[in-house]
Amino acid sequence: MTQYSVSPSGEKFVVPQENEYQAEFERIEALADAARKDGKEIVVVMGVGFVGAVMAAIVADTVDK
């Protein structure tokens, strides 16, 4: 059965099935590696309930000084 993660704006994202975990991990790893090469920092926010959403917003709004 396909499961979805729904954003606060109503956008639906398919949750990977167990047999897709390795490919999804490799996809995310490649995205993180590319971002690092661009000089970006990588931050992982676990969970996007209220606290996770607030933390993600704070991190997204952070600037280097």
PDB file of N, CA and C in Angstrom:
ATOM      1  N   MET A   1       0.840  -1.177   0.000  1.00  0.00           N
ATOM      2  CA  MET A   1       0.000   0.000   0.000  1.00  0.00           C
ATOM      3  C   MET A   1       0.890   1.247   0.000  1.00  0.00           C
ATOM      4  N   THR A   2       0.626   2.164  -0.878  1.00  0.00           N
ATOM      5  CA  THR A   2       1.405   3.395  -0.968  1.00  0.00           C
ATOM      6  C   THR A   2       1.005   4.340   0.157  1.00  0.00           C
ATOM      7  N   GLN A   3       2.023   4.853   0.859  1.00  0.00           N
ATOM      8  CA  GLN A   3       1.782   5.830   1.913  1.00  0.00           C
ATOM      9  C   GLN A   3       2.310   7.176   1.448  1.00  0.00           C
ATOM     10  N   TYR A   4       1.698   8.247   1.959  1.00  0.00           N
ATOM     11  CA  TYR A   4       2.082   9.594   1.575  1.00  0.00           C
ATOM     12  C   TYR A   4       2.407  10.431   2.804  1.00  0.00           C
ATOM     13  N   SER A   5       3.332  11.347   2.619  1.00  0.00           N
ATOM     14  CA  SER A   5       3.607  12.390   3.596  1.00  0.00           C
ATOM     15  C   SER A   5       3.004  13.654   3.006  1.00  0.00           C
ATOM     16  N   VAL A   6       2.176  14.343   3.777  1.00  0.00           N
ATOM     17  CA  VAL A   6       1.472  15.521   3.271  1.00  0.00           C
ATOM     18  C   VAL A   6       2.033  16.771   3.942  1.00  0.00           C
ATOM     19  N   SER A   7       2.458  17.729   3.126  1.00  0.00           N
ATOM     20  CA  SER A   7       3.015  18.979   3.646  1.00  0.00           C
ATOM     21  C   SER A   7       1.892  19.860   4.189  1.00  0.00           C
ATOM     22  N   PRO A   8       2.252  20.858   4.993  1.00  0.00           N
ATOM     23  CA  PRO A   8       1.231  21.780   5.505  1.00  0.00           C
ATOM     24  C   PRO A   8       0.429  22.466   4.397  1.00  0.00           C
ATOM     25  N   SER A   9       1.031  22.604   3.206  1.00  0.00           N
ATOM     26  CA  SER A   9       0.317  23.241   2.098  1.00  0.00           C
ATOM     27  C   SER A   9      -0.519  22.240   1.299  1.00  0.00           C
ATOM     28  N   GLY A  10      -0.490  20.963   1.714  1.00  0.00           N
ATOM     29  CA  GLY A  10      -1.302  19.956   1.046  1.00  0.00           C
ATOM     30  C   GLY A  10      -0.581  19.158  -0.024  1.00  0.00           C
ATOM     31  N   GLU A  11       0.693  19.455  -0.267  1.00  0.00           N
ATOM     32  CA  GLU A  11       1.456  18.719  -1.276  1.00  0.00           C
ATOM     33  C   GLU A  11       1.759  17.313  -0.755  1.00  0.00           C
ATOM     34  N   LYS A  12       1.537  16.284  -1.599  1.00  0.00           N
ATOM     35  CA  LYS A  12       1.745  14.896  -1.191  1.00  0.00           C
ATOM     36  C   LYS A  12       3.061  14.360  -1.744  1.00  0.00           C
ATOM     37  N   PHE A  13       3.787  13.642  -0.889  1.00  0.00           N
ATOM     38  CA  PHE A  13       5.032  12.997  -1.277  1.00  0.00           C
ATOM     39  C   PHE A  13       4.920  11.517  -0.948  1.00  0.00           C
ATOM     40  N   VAL A  14       5.283  10.657  -1.894  1.00  0.00           N
ATOM     41  CA  VAL A  14       5.236   9.217  -1.666  1.00  0.00           C
ATOM     42  C   VAL A  14       6.328   8.835  -0.673  1.00  0.00           C
ATOM     43  N   VAL A  15       5.968   8.061   0.350  1.00  0.00           N
ATOM     44  CA  VAL A  15       6.940   7.552   1.314  1.00  0.00           C
ATOM     45  C   VAL A  15       7.576   6.312   0.685  1.00  0.00           C
ATOM     46  N   PRO A  16       8.907   6.265   0.613  1.00  0.00           N
ATOM     47  CA  PRO A  16       9.563   5.106  -0.019  1.00  0.00           C
ATOM     48  C   PRO A  16       9.201   3.788   0.676  1.00  0.00           C
ATOM     49  N   GLN A  17       9.047   2.748  -0.130  1.00  0.00           N
ATOM     50  CA  GLN A  17       8.818   1.401   0.385  1.00  0.00           C
ATOM     51  C   GLN A  17      10.157   0.822   0.836  1.00  0.00           C
ATOM     52  N   GLU A  18      10.123  -0.212   1.662  1.00  0.00           N
ATOM     53  CA  GLU A  18      11.357  -0.794   2.193  1.00  0.00           C
ATOM     54  C   GLU A  18      12.320  -1.221   1.084  1.00  0.00           C
ATOM     55  N   ASN A  19      11.788  -1.747  -0.018  1.00  0.00           N
ATOM     56  CA  ASN A  19      12.662  -2.189  -1.111  1.00  0.00           C
ATOM     57  C   ASN A  19      13.276  -1.010  -1.874  1.00  0.00           C
ATOM     58  N   GLU A  20      12.863   0.215  -1.575  1.00  0.00           N
ATOM     59  CA  GLU A  20      13.406   1.411  -2.225  1.00  0.00           C
ATOM     60  C   GLU A  20      14.392   2.169  -1.337  1.00  0.00           C
ATOM     61  N   TYR A  21      14.585   1.720  -0.096  1.00  0.00           N
ATOM     62  CA  TYR A  21      15.419   2.443   0.868  1.00  0.00           C
ATOM     63  C   TYR A  21      16.833   2.685   0.357  1.00  0.00           C
ATOM     64  N   GLN A  22      17.480   1.652  -0.181  1.00  0.00           N
ATOM     65  CA  GLN A  22      18.876   1.793  -0.613  1.00  0.00           C
ATOM     66  C   GLN A  22      18.998   2.826  -1.735  1.00  0.00           C
ATOM     67  N   ALA A  23      18.129   2.746  -2.728  1.00  0.00           N
ATOM     68  CA  ALA A  23      18.175   3.702  -3.840  1.00  0.00           C
ATOM     69  C   ALA A  23      17.879   5.114  -3.344  1.00  0.00           C
ATOM     70  N   GLU A  24      16.937   5.254  -2.419  1.00  0.00           N
ATOM     71  CA  GLU A  24      16.595   6.574  -1.879  1.00  0.00           C
ATOM     72  C   GLU A  24      17.757   7.133  -1.063  1.00  0.00           C
ATOM     73  N   PHE A  25      18.415   6.267  -0.282  1.00  0.00           N
ATOM     74  CA  PHE A  25      19.585   6.698   0.481  1.00  0.00           C
ATOM     75  C   PHE A  25      20.673   7.204  -0.461  1.00  0.00           C
ATOM     76  N   GLU A  26      20.924   6.465  -1.539  1.00  0.00           N
ATOM     77  CA  GLU A  26      21.952   6.862  -2.504  1.00  0.00           C
ATOM     78  C   GLU A  26      21.591   8.178  -3.188  1.00  0.00           C
ATOM     79  N   ARG A  27      20.300   8.390  -3.476  1.00  0.00           N
ATOM     80  CA  ARG A  27      19.851   9.645  -4.092  1.00  0.00           C
ATOM     81  C   ARG A  27      20.101  10.822  -3.142  1.00  0.00           C
ATOM     82  N   ILE A  28      19.736  10.645  -1.881  1.00  0.00           N
ATOM     83  CA  ILE A  28      19.932  11.717  -0.898  1.00  0.00           C
ATOM     84  C   ILE A  28      21.414  11.959  -0.654  1.00  0.00           C
ATOM     85  N   GLU A  29      22.193  10.879  -0.607  1.00  0.00           N
ATOM     86  CA  GLU A  29      23.639  11.011  -0.420  1.00  0.00           C
ATOM     87  C   GLU A  29      24.263  11.817  -1.563  1.00  0.00           C
ATOM     88  N   ALA A  30      23.828  11.566  -2.797  1.00  0.00           N
ATOM     89  CA  ALA A  30      24.343  12.309  -3.955  1.00  0.00           C
ATOM     90  C   ALA A  30      23.954  13.787  -3.867  1.00  0.00           C
ATOM     91  N   LEU A  31      22.723  14.071  -3.440  1.00  0.00           N
ATOM     92  CA  LEU A  31      22.291  15.465  -3.283  1.00  0.00           C
ATOM     93  C   LEU A  31      23.121  16.171  -2.213  1.00  0.00           C
ATOM     94  N   ALA A  32      23.372  15.482  -1.095  1.00  0.00           N
ATOM     95  CA  ALA A  32      24.169  16.071  -0.016  1.00  0.00           C
ATOM     96  C   ALA A  32      25.606  16.303  -0.471  1.00  0.00           C
ATOM     97  N   ASP A  33      26.184  15.345  -1.190  1.00  0.00           N
ATOM     98  CA  ASP A  33      27.551  15.500  -1.698  1.00  0.00           C
ATOM     99  C   ASP A  33      27.653  16.693  -2.643  1.00  0.00           C
ATOM    100  N   ALA A  34      26.664  16.845  -3.527  1.00  0.00           N
ATOM    101  CA  ALA A  34      26.667  17.972  -4.467  1.00  0.00           C
ATOM    102  C   ALA A  34      26.553  19.299  -3.717  1.00  0.00           C
ATOM    103  N   ALA A  35      25.719  19.337  -2.685  1.00  0.00           N
ATOM    104  CA  ALA A  35      25.560  20.564  -1.896  1.00  0.00           C
ATOM    105  C   ALA A  35      26.859  20.904  -1.167  1.00  0.00           C
ATOM    106  N   ARG A  36      27.524  19.885  -0.618  1.00  0.00           N
ATOM    107  CA  ARG A  36      28.804  20.121   0.069  1.00  0.00           C
ATOM    108  C   ARG A  36      29.839  20.691  -0.890  1.00  0.00           C
ATOM    109  N   LYS A  37      29.866  20.164  -2.117  1.00  0.00           N
ATOM    110  CA  LYS A  37      30.818  20.659  -3.121  1.00  0.00           C
ATOM    111  C   LYS A  37      30.552  22.120  -3.461  1.00  0.00           C
ATOM    112  N   ASP A  38      29.306  22.556  -3.298  1.00  0.00           N
ATOM    113  CA  ASP A  38      28.934  23.956  -3.531  1.00  0.00           C
ATOM    114  C   ASP A  38      29.188  24.818  -2.298  1.00  0.00           C
ATOM    115  N   GLY A  39      29.783  24.212  -1.255  1.00  0.00           N
ATOM    116  CA  GLY A  39      30.091  24.959  -0.041  1.00  0.00           C
ATOM    117  C   GLY A  39      28.927  25.100   0.922  1.00  0.00           C
ATOM    118  N   LYS A  40      27.877  24.346   0.705  1.00  0.00           N
ATOM    119  CA  LYS A  40      26.705  24.420   1.580  1.00  0.00           C
ATOM    120  C   LYS A  40      26.866  23.449   2.749  1.00  0.00           C
ATOM    121  N   GLU A  41      26.225  23.776   3.863  1.00  0.00           N
ATOM    122  CA  GLU A  41      26.208  22.886   5.015  1.00  0.00           C
ATOM    123  C   GLU A  41      24.934  22.051   4.968  1.00  0.00           C
ATOM    124  N   ILE A  42      25.021  20.835   5.475  1.00  0.00           N
ATOM    125  CA  ILE A  42      23.888  19.918   5.465  1.00  0.00           C
ATOM    126  C   ILE A  42      23.341  19.804   6.883  1.00  0.00           C
ATOM    127  N   VAL A  43      22.030  19.967   7.027  1.00  0.00           N
ATOM    128  CA  VAL A  43      21.362  19.845   8.322  1.00  0.00           C
ATOM    129  C   VAL A  43      20.206  18.870   8.154  1.00  0.00           C
ATOM    130  N   VAL A  44      20.076  17.951   9.095  1.00  0.00           N
ATOM    131  CA  VAL A  44      18.966  16.998   9.067  1.00  0.00           C
ATOM    132  C   VAL A  44      18.014  17.346  10.201  1.00  0.00           C
ATOM    133  N   VAL A  45      16.743  17.522   9.866  1.00  0.00           N
ATOM    134  CA  VAL A  45      15.708  17.770  10.874  1.00  0.00           C
ATOM    135  C   VAL A  45      14.831  16.525  10.903  1.00  0.00           C
ATOM    136  N   MET A  46      14.810  15.842  12.033  1.00  0.00           N
ATOM    137  CA  MET A  46      14.018  14.617  12.163  1.00  0.00           C
ATOM    138  C   MET A  46      12.592  14.982  12.564  1.00  0.00           C
ATOM    139  N   GLY A  47      11.653  14.565  11.752  1.00  0.00           N
ATOM    140  CA  GLY A  47      10.252  14.833  12.057  1.00  0.00           C
ATOM    141  C   GLY A  47       9.864  16.244  11.652  1.00  0.00           C
ATOM    142  N   VAL A  48       8.667  16.385  11.153  1.00  0.00           N
ATOM    143  CA  VAL A  48       8.219  17.711  10.764  1.00  0.00           C
ATOM    144  C   VAL A  48       6.873  17.998  11.427  1.00  0.00           C
ATOM    145  N   GLY A  49       6.816  17.657  12.712  1.00  0.00           N
ATOM    146  CA  GLY A  49       5.682  18.101  13.516  1.00  0.00           C
ATOM    147  C   GLY A  49       5.914  19.575  13.800  1.00  0.00           C
ATOM    148  N   PHE A  50       5.287  20.101  14.805  1.00  0.00           N
ATOM    149  CA  PHE A  50       5.424  21.526  15.103  1.00  0.00           C
ATOM    150  C   PHE A  50       6.871  21.908  15.374  1.00  0.00           C
ATOM    151  N   VAL A  51       7.541  21.172  16.269  1.00  0.00           N
ATOM    152  CA  VAL A  51       8.921  21.515  16.629  1.00  0.00           C
ATOM    153  C   VAL A  51       9.854  21.341  15.434  1.00  0.00           C
ATOM    154  N   GLY A  52       9.703  20.244  14.696  1.00  0.00           N
ATOM    155  CA  GLY A  52      10.543  20.021  13.522  1.00  0.00           C
ATOM    156  C   GLY A  52      10.353  21.101  12.472  1.00  0.00           C
ATOM    157  N   ALA A  53       9.098  21.518  12.267  1.00  0.00           N
ATOM    158  CA  ALA A  53       8.816  22.574  11.291  1.00  0.00           C
ATOM    159  C   ALA A  53       9.446  23.897  11.717  1.00  0.00           C
ATOM    160  N   VAL A  54       9.375  24.204  13.010  1.00  0.00           N
ATOM    161  CA  VAL A  54       9.986  25.440  13.513  1.00  0.00           C
ATOM    162  C   VAL A  54      11.501  25.380  13.346  1.00  0.00           C
ATOM    163  N   MET A  55      12.103  24.249  13.702  1.00  0.00           N
ATOM    164  CA  MET A  55      13.555  24.113  13.571  1.00  0.00           C
ATOM    165  C   MET A  55      13.978  24.214  12.102  1.00  0.00           C
ATOM    166  N   ALA A  56      13.229  23.595  11.202  1.00  0.00           N
ATOM    167  CA  ALA A  56      13.548  23.683   9.776  1.00  0.00           C
ATOM    168  C   ALA A  56      13.472  25.132   9.299  1.00  0.00           C
ATOM    169  N   ALA A  57      12.476  25.878   9.762  1.00  0.00           N
ATOM    170  CA  ALA A  57      12.346  27.289   9.380  1.00  0.00           C
ATOM    171  C   ALA A  57      13.512  28.109   9.914  1.00  0.00           C
ATOM    172  N   ILE A  58      13.919  27.850  11.149  1.00  0.00           N
ATOM    173  CA  ILE A  58      15.051  28.581  11.735  1.00  0.00           C
ATOM    174  C   ILE A  58      16.326  28.303  10.954  1.00  0.00           C
ATOM    175  N   VAL A  59      16.570  27.035  10.655  1.00  0.00           N
ATOM    176  CA  VAL A  59      17.774  26.665   9.899  1.00  0.00           C
ATOM    177  C   VAL A  59      17.740  27.292   8.510  1.00  0.00           C
ATOM    178  N   ALA A  60      16.578  27.248   7.852  1.00  0.00           N
ATOM    179  CA  ALA A  60      16.462  27.793   6.498  1.00  0.00           C
ATOM    180  C   ALA A  60      16.694  29.294   6.467  1.00  0.00           C
ATOM    181  N   ASP A  61      16.394  29.973   7.562  1.00  0.00           N
ATOM    182  CA  ASP A  61      16.518  31.429   7.619  1.00  0.00           C
ATOM    183  C   ASP A  61      17.895  31.888   8.118  1.00  0.00           C
ATOM    184  N   THR A  62      18.756  30.942   8.477  1.00  0.00           N
ATOM    185  CA  THR A  62      20.070  31.266   9.031  1.00  0.00           C
ATOM    186  C   THR A  62      21.017  31.754   7.939  1.00  0.00           C
ATOM    187  N   VAL A  63      21.806  32.772   8.261  1.00  0.00           N
ATOM    188  CA  VAL A  63      22.812  33.279   7.320  1.00  0.00           C
ATOM    189  C   VAL A  63      24.180  33.260   7.985  1.00  0.00           C
ATOM    190  N   ASP A  64      25.220  33.116   7.172  1.00  0.00           N
ATOM    191  CA  ASP A  64      26.592  33.172   7.670  1.00  0.00           C
ATOM    192  C   ASP A  64      26.965  34.608   7.951  1.00  0.00           C
ATOM    193  N   LYS A  65      27.649  34.855   9.050  1.00  0.00           N
ATOM    194  CA  LYS A  65      28.110  36.207   9.360  1.00  0.00           C
ATOM    195  C   LYS A  65      29.579  36.168   9.667  1.00  0.00           C
TER     196      LYS A  65
END
